[in-house]
Amino acid sequence: MKKAKKVKKAKKVQRMDLGAIFDAHIRHEFVDHDVAATMKTMAAEPYVHNVPTLTGGDGHASVVDFYTHHFVGKMPADTRIERISRTVGRAKWWMSSSCISRTTAPLITCFLVFRRPGGE
């Protein structure tokens, strides 16, 4: 007769307030303009994909480069971000819809990758 295997106790999963983490992430991006603080709100090897413009980064160094040169601190001073909705799951997921409003100048490379305003 085979001996029963000892069952390991499941590790306690640390609960995170994903909504608060995302709020800090947005604040660091749009208010503080702090790439290092923004990165601290993300996974060790994050990815950012701005699907409409095919921009972003995959991996820590690539996301830092994207944020530093094309996104964080590159928005016009009148940029506003308004939360439309947020759903936070029980485990490690969330979904957020936001509306970003801003003027069209200066050139914002993460939104206007291939063409300058006016088709230049």
N, C-alpha and C. Protein backbone atom coordinates (compact mmCIF):
# COMPACT_ATOMS: atom_id res chain seq x y z
N MET A 1 0.84 -1.18 0.00
CA MET A 1 0.00 0.00 0.00
C MET A 1 0.89 1.25 0.00
N LYS A 2 0.56 2.22 -0.87
CA LYS A 2 1.34 3.45 -1.00
C LYS A 2 1.04 4.39 0.15
N LYS A 3 2.08 5.12 0.54
CA LYS A 3 1.93 6.11 1.59
C LYS A 3 1.33 7.38 1.00
N ALA A 4 0.43 7.99 1.71
CA ALA A 4 -0.18 9.25 1.26
C ALA A 4 0.86 10.36 1.31
N LYS A 5 0.85 11.19 0.29
CA LYS A 5 1.78 12.32 0.25
C LYS A 5 1.28 13.42 1.18
N LYS A 6 2.23 14.08 1.80
CA LYS A 6 1.89 15.20 2.67
C LYS A 6 1.49 16.39 1.80
N VAL A 7 0.38 16.98 2.09
CA VAL A 7 -0.13 18.11 1.33
C VAL A 7 0.43 19.39 1.93
N LYS A 8 1.03 20.21 1.06
CA LYS A 8 1.57 21.48 1.52
C LYS A 8 0.44 22.48 1.72
N LYS A 9 0.60 23.31 2.74
CA LYS A 9 -0.36 24.38 2.97
C LYS A 9 -0.15 25.46 1.91
N ALA A 10 -1.22 25.99 1.42
CA ALA A 10 -1.14 27.06 0.44
C ALA A 10 -0.57 28.31 1.10
N LYS A 11 0.29 29.01 0.37
CA LYS A 11 0.84 30.26 0.88
C LYS A 11 -0.25 31.31 0.89
N LYS A 12 -0.17 32.18 1.88
CA LYS A 12 -1.12 33.29 1.94
C LYS A 12 -0.82 34.25 0.81
N VAL A 13 -1.82 34.65 0.10
CA VAL A 13 -1.66 35.60 -0.99
C VAL A 13 -1.84 37.00 -0.42
N GLN A 14 -0.85 37.86 -0.71
CA GLN A 14 -0.94 39.23 -0.24
C GLN A 14 -1.97 39.97 -1.07
N ARG A 15 -2.94 40.54 -0.41
CA ARG A 15 -3.96 41.32 -1.10
C ARG A 15 -3.42 42.72 -1.35
N MET A 16 -3.59 43.19 -2.57
CA MET A 16 -3.14 44.53 -2.92
C MET A 16 -4.36 45.34 -3.31
N ASP A 17 -4.32 46.60 -3.00
CA ASP A 17 -5.38 47.51 -3.41
C ASP A 17 -5.02 48.01 -4.80
N LEU A 18 -5.45 47.25 -5.82
CA LEU A 18 -5.09 47.58 -7.19
C LEU A 18 -5.59 48.95 -7.62
N GLY A 19 -6.74 49.35 -7.12
CA GLY A 19 -7.26 50.68 -7.44
C GLY A 19 -6.33 51.77 -6.93
N ALA A 20 -5.85 51.63 -5.70
CA ALA A 20 -4.94 52.63 -5.12
C ALA A 20 -3.61 52.64 -5.85
N ILE A 21 -3.12 51.45 -6.24
CA ILE A 21 -1.86 51.37 -6.98
C ILE A 21 -2.01 52.06 -8.33
N PHE A 22 -3.13 51.83 -9.01
CA PHE A 22 -3.33 52.46 -10.32
C PHE A 22 -3.50 53.97 -10.18
N ASP A 23 -4.19 54.41 -9.13
CA ASP A 23 -4.33 55.85 -8.90
C ASP A 23 -2.95 56.49 -8.71
N ALA A 24 -2.06 55.83 -7.95
CA ALA A 24 -0.70 56.33 -7.76
C ALA A 24 0.05 56.35 -9.09
N HIS A 25 -0.13 55.31 -9.88
CA HIS A 25 0.51 55.21 -11.19
C HIS A 25 0.12 56.40 -12.07
N ILE A 26 -1.17 56.69 -12.14
CA ILE A 26 -1.67 57.80 -12.95
C ILE A 26 -1.15 59.14 -12.40
N ARG A 27 -1.14 59.28 -11.07
CA ARG A 27 -0.63 60.52 -10.45
C ARG A 27 0.84 60.73 -10.82
N HIS A 28 1.64 59.66 -10.75
CA HIS A 28 3.06 59.78 -11.08
C HIS A 28 3.27 60.12 -12.56
N GLU A 29 2.42 59.59 -13.43
CA GLU A 29 2.52 59.87 -14.87
C GLU A 29 2.11 61.30 -15.21
N PHE A 30 0.91 61.70 -14.76
CA PHE A 30 0.29 62.93 -15.24
C PHE A 30 0.44 64.14 -14.32
N VAL A 31 0.72 63.94 -13.04
CA VAL A 31 0.85 65.06 -12.11
C VAL A 31 2.31 65.27 -11.73
N ASP A 32 2.95 64.20 -11.22
CA ASP A 32 4.33 64.30 -10.75
C ASP A 32 5.35 64.26 -11.90
N HIS A 33 4.98 63.64 -13.01
CA HIS A 33 5.88 63.45 -14.16
C HIS A 33 7.15 62.75 -13.72
N ASP A 34 7.00 61.68 -12.94
CA ASP A 34 8.12 60.97 -12.33
C ASP A 34 8.18 59.54 -12.86
N VAL A 35 9.09 59.30 -13.79
CA VAL A 35 9.20 57.98 -14.42
C VAL A 35 9.57 56.91 -13.39
N ALA A 36 10.54 57.19 -12.52
CA ALA A 36 10.97 56.20 -11.53
C ALA A 36 9.83 55.81 -10.60
N ALA A 37 9.05 56.77 -10.13
CA ALA A 37 7.91 56.48 -9.26
C ALA A 37 6.83 55.71 -10.02
N THR A 38 6.63 56.06 -11.28
CA THR A 38 5.65 55.34 -12.10
C THR A 38 6.06 53.88 -12.23
N MET A 39 7.33 53.64 -12.49
CA MET A 39 7.82 52.26 -12.67
C MET A 39 7.66 51.43 -11.40
N LYS A 40 7.73 52.06 -10.23
CA LYS A 40 7.57 51.33 -8.97
C LYS A 40 6.15 50.80 -8.79
N THR A 41 5.19 51.33 -9.55
CA THR A 41 3.81 50.85 -9.44
C THR A 41 3.55 49.67 -10.39
N MET A 42 4.57 49.27 -11.13
CA MET A 42 4.40 48.24 -12.16
C MET A 42 5.14 46.96 -11.77
N ALA A 43 4.89 45.90 -12.52
CA ALA A 43 5.59 44.63 -12.35
C ALA A 43 7.06 44.82 -12.69
N ALA A 44 7.89 43.89 -12.27
CA ALA A 44 9.33 43.98 -12.52
C ALA A 44 9.64 44.03 -14.01
N GLU A 45 8.93 43.28 -14.81
CA GLU A 45 9.11 43.28 -16.27
C GLU A 45 7.78 43.64 -16.93
N PRO A 46 7.43 44.92 -16.93
CA PRO A 46 6.13 45.35 -17.43
C PRO A 46 6.11 45.45 -18.96
N TYR A 47 4.92 45.63 -19.47
CA TYR A 47 4.78 46.00 -20.88
C TYR A 47 3.69 47.04 -20.97
N VAL A 48 3.86 47.95 -21.91
CA VAL A 48 2.88 49.00 -22.18
C VAL A 48 2.63 48.97 -23.67
N HIS A 49 1.39 48.75 -24.05
CA HIS A 49 1.03 48.72 -25.47
C HIS A 49 -0.08 49.73 -25.71
N ASN A 50 0.26 50.81 -26.39
CA ASN A 50 -0.73 51.80 -26.79
C ASN A 50 -1.20 51.34 -28.17
N VAL A 51 -2.25 50.54 -28.18
CA VAL A 51 -2.70 49.86 -29.40
C VAL A 51 -3.02 50.81 -30.55
N PRO A 52 -3.74 51.92 -30.34
CA PRO A 52 -4.08 52.77 -31.49
C PRO A 52 -2.87 53.32 -32.25
N THR A 53 -1.76 53.54 -31.54
CA THR A 53 -0.59 54.14 -32.20
C THR A 53 0.58 53.18 -32.35
N LEU A 54 0.41 51.94 -31.89
CA LEU A 54 1.46 50.93 -31.98
C LEU A 54 2.76 51.39 -31.31
N THR A 55 2.63 52.03 -30.15
CA THR A 55 3.79 52.48 -29.39
C THR A 55 3.80 51.82 -28.03
N GLY A 56 4.89 51.95 -27.30
CA GLY A 56 4.97 51.41 -25.96
C GLY A 56 6.31 50.76 -25.72
N GLY A 57 6.32 49.76 -24.86
CA GLY A 57 7.55 49.06 -24.54
C GLY A 57 7.25 47.71 -23.95
N ASP A 58 8.21 46.80 -24.07
CA ASP A 58 8.07 45.44 -23.55
C ASP A 58 9.32 45.13 -22.73
N GLY A 59 9.18 45.05 -21.42
CA GLY A 59 10.31 44.86 -20.52
C GLY A 59 10.67 46.17 -19.84
N HIS A 60 11.33 46.05 -18.69
CA HIS A 60 11.62 47.23 -17.86
C HIS A 60 12.34 48.34 -18.63
N ALA A 61 13.46 48.02 -19.26
CA ALA A 61 14.26 49.04 -19.94
C ALA A 61 13.48 49.70 -21.08
N SER A 62 12.71 48.92 -21.81
CA SER A 62 11.95 49.45 -22.93
C SER A 62 10.82 50.37 -22.47
N VAL A 63 10.15 49.99 -21.38
CA VAL A 63 9.08 50.84 -20.84
C VAL A 63 9.66 52.13 -20.28
N VAL A 64 10.79 52.05 -19.58
CA VAL A 64 11.45 53.26 -19.07
C VAL A 64 11.79 54.18 -20.23
N ASP A 65 12.32 53.63 -21.31
CA ASP A 65 12.66 54.43 -22.48
C ASP A 65 11.42 55.10 -23.07
N PHE A 66 10.34 54.33 -23.23
CA PHE A 66 9.09 54.88 -23.77
C PHE A 66 8.56 56.00 -22.88
N TYR A 67 8.49 55.74 -21.57
CA TYR A 67 7.98 56.76 -20.65
C TYR A 67 8.87 58.01 -20.64
N THR A 68 10.18 57.82 -20.62
CA THR A 68 11.12 58.93 -20.54
C THR A 68 11.10 59.81 -21.78
N HIS A 69 11.08 59.19 -22.94
CA HIS A 69 11.24 59.95 -24.19
C HIS A 69 9.95 60.27 -24.93
N HIS A 70 8.85 59.59 -24.58
CA HIS A 70 7.64 59.77 -25.38
C HIS A 70 6.35 60.01 -24.59
N PHE A 71 6.34 59.80 -23.29
CA PHE A 71 5.06 59.84 -22.60
C PHE A 71 5.06 60.70 -21.34
N VAL A 72 5.73 60.28 -20.29
CA VAL A 72 5.67 60.98 -19.01
C VAL A 72 6.28 62.38 -19.14
N GLY A 73 5.48 63.38 -18.80
CA GLY A 73 5.93 64.76 -18.88
C GLY A 73 5.88 65.35 -20.28
N LYS A 74 5.36 64.63 -21.23
CA LYS A 74 5.31 65.10 -22.62
C LYS A 74 3.93 65.64 -23.01
N MET A 75 2.99 65.59 -22.09
CA MET A 75 1.63 66.06 -22.37
C MET A 75 1.56 67.57 -22.16
N PRO A 76 0.66 68.24 -22.87
CA PRO A 76 0.46 69.68 -22.63
C PRO A 76 0.03 69.93 -21.18
N ALA A 77 0.29 71.11 -20.69
CA ALA A 77 -0.01 71.45 -19.29
C ALA A 77 -1.49 71.32 -18.95
N ASP A 78 -2.36 71.44 -19.95
CA ASP A 78 -3.80 71.38 -19.68
C ASP A 78 -4.37 69.95 -19.78
N THR A 79 -3.51 68.95 -19.82
CA THR A 79 -3.98 67.55 -19.89
C THR A 79 -4.76 67.19 -18.65
N ARG A 80 -5.92 66.58 -18.87
CA ARG A 80 -6.75 66.08 -17.77
C ARG A 80 -7.08 64.62 -18.05
N ILE A 81 -7.13 63.82 -17.00
CA ILE A 81 -7.56 62.43 -17.13
C ILE A 81 -8.73 62.22 -16.19
N GLU A 82 -9.79 61.68 -16.74
CA GLU A 82 -11.02 61.46 -15.97
C GLU A 82 -11.39 59.99 -16.03
N ARG A 83 -11.58 59.39 -14.85
CA ARG A 83 -11.98 57.99 -14.80
C ARG A 83 -13.44 57.86 -15.23
N ILE A 84 -13.69 56.96 -16.15
CA ILE A 84 -15.06 56.67 -16.59
C ILE A 84 -15.62 55.51 -15.77
N SER A 85 -14.83 54.44 -15.66
CA SER A 85 -15.26 53.29 -14.86
C SER A 85 -14.05 52.49 -14.42
N ARG A 86 -14.24 51.67 -13.39
CA ARG A 86 -13.18 50.78 -12.91
C ARG A 86 -13.81 49.54 -12.31
N THR A 87 -13.25 48.39 -12.68
CA THR A 87 -13.65 47.12 -12.10
C THR A 87 -12.39 46.44 -11.58
N VAL A 88 -12.39 46.06 -10.32
CA VAL A 88 -11.25 45.37 -9.73
C VAL A 88 -11.68 43.97 -9.38
N GLY A 89 -10.94 42.98 -9.90
CA GLY A 89 -11.26 41.58 -9.64
C GLY A 89 -10.78 41.12 -8.28
N ARG A 90 -11.11 39.90 -7.93
CA ARG A 90 -10.74 39.34 -6.63
C ARG A 90 -9.27 38.99 -6.55
N ALA A 91 -8.64 38.72 -7.65
CA ALA A 91 -7.24 38.27 -7.61
C ALA A 91 -6.30 39.36 -8.07
N LYS A 92 -5.81 39.27 -9.30
CA LYS A 92 -4.78 40.20 -9.76
C LYS A 92 -5.16 40.88 -11.06
N TRP A 93 -6.38 41.28 -11.20
CA TRP A 93 -6.74 41.96 -12.44
C TRP A 93 -7.62 43.15 -12.14
N TRP A 94 -7.62 44.07 -13.07
CA TRP A 94 -8.49 45.24 -13.00
C TRP A 94 -8.74 45.71 -14.42
N MET A 95 -9.77 46.48 -14.57
CA MET A 95 -10.07 47.09 -15.86
C MET A 95 -10.47 48.53 -15.58
N SER A 96 -9.91 49.44 -16.32
CA SER A 96 -10.20 50.84 -16.11
C SER A 96 -10.41 51.52 -17.44
N SER A 97 -11.42 52.35 -17.52
CA SER A 97 -11.65 53.16 -18.71
C SER A 97 -11.52 54.62 -18.31
N SER A 98 -10.74 55.35 -19.08
CA SER A 98 -10.50 56.75 -18.77
C SER A 98 -10.61 57.59 -20.03
N CYS A 99 -10.83 58.86 -19.82
CA CYS A 99 -10.86 59.82 -20.92
C CYS A 99 -9.76 60.83 -20.68
N ILE A 100 -8.86 60.95 -21.65
CA ILE A 100 -7.78 61.94 -21.56
C ILE A 100 -8.14 63.09 -22.48
N SER A 101 -8.12 64.30 -21.93
CA SER A 101 -8.37 65.47 -22.77
C SER A 101 -7.16 66.39 -22.67
N ARG A 102 -6.83 67.02 -23.80
CA ARG A 102 -5.65 67.86 -23.89
C ARG A 102 -5.72 68.66 -25.18
N THR A 103 -4.88 69.67 -25.28
CA THR A 103 -4.75 70.38 -26.55
C THR A 103 -3.90 69.51 -27.48
N THR A 104 -3.80 69.89 -28.74
CA THR A 104 -3.04 69.07 -29.68
C THR A 104 -1.58 69.47 -29.79
N ALA A 105 -1.18 70.59 -29.19
CA ALA A 105 0.22 71.00 -29.27
C ALA A 105 0.80 70.98 -27.87
N PRO A 106 2.04 70.67 -27.67
CA PRO A 106 3.07 70.39 -28.65
C PRO A 106 2.94 68.97 -29.21
N LEU A 107 3.84 68.62 -30.10
CA LEU A 107 3.84 67.29 -30.69
C LEU A 107 3.99 66.25 -29.60
N ILE A 108 3.06 65.31 -29.52
CA ILE A 108 3.09 64.25 -28.52
C ILE A 108 3.38 62.96 -29.27
N THR A 109 4.63 62.52 -29.21
CA THR A 109 5.07 61.42 -30.07
C THR A 109 4.33 60.11 -29.81
N CYS A 110 3.86 59.87 -28.59
CA CYS A 110 3.18 58.60 -28.35
C CYS A 110 1.80 58.56 -28.99
N PHE A 111 1.23 59.72 -29.33
CA PHE A 111 -0.07 59.76 -29.99
C PHE A 111 0.05 60.04 -31.49
N LEU A 112 1.11 60.71 -31.87
CA LEU A 112 1.29 61.12 -33.26
C LEU A 112 2.61 60.57 -33.77
N VAL A 113 2.68 59.27 -33.90
CA VAL A 113 3.94 58.63 -34.21
C VAL A 113 4.42 58.92 -35.63
N PHE A 114 3.53 58.84 -36.57
CA PHE A 114 3.93 58.89 -37.97
C PHE A 114 3.71 60.24 -38.64
N ARG A 115 2.88 61.10 -38.04
CA ARG A 115 2.57 62.37 -38.70
C ARG A 115 2.53 63.49 -37.68
N ARG A 116 2.99 64.64 -38.08
CA ARG A 116 2.89 65.83 -37.23
C ARG A 116 1.48 66.41 -37.43
N PRO A 117 1.00 67.23 -36.48
CA PRO A 117 -0.29 67.89 -36.66
C PRO A 117 -0.29 68.65 -37.98
N GLY A 118 -1.37 68.62 -38.68
CA GLY A 118 -1.47 69.29 -39.98
C GLY A 118 -0.94 68.46 -41.12
N GLY A 119 -0.59 67.19 -40.85
CA GLY A 119 -0.15 66.29 -41.90
C GLY A 119 1.29 66.43 -42.31
N GLU A 120 2.09 67.19 -41.55
CA GLU A 120 3.49 67.40 -41.91
C GLU A 120 4.29 66.12 -41.74
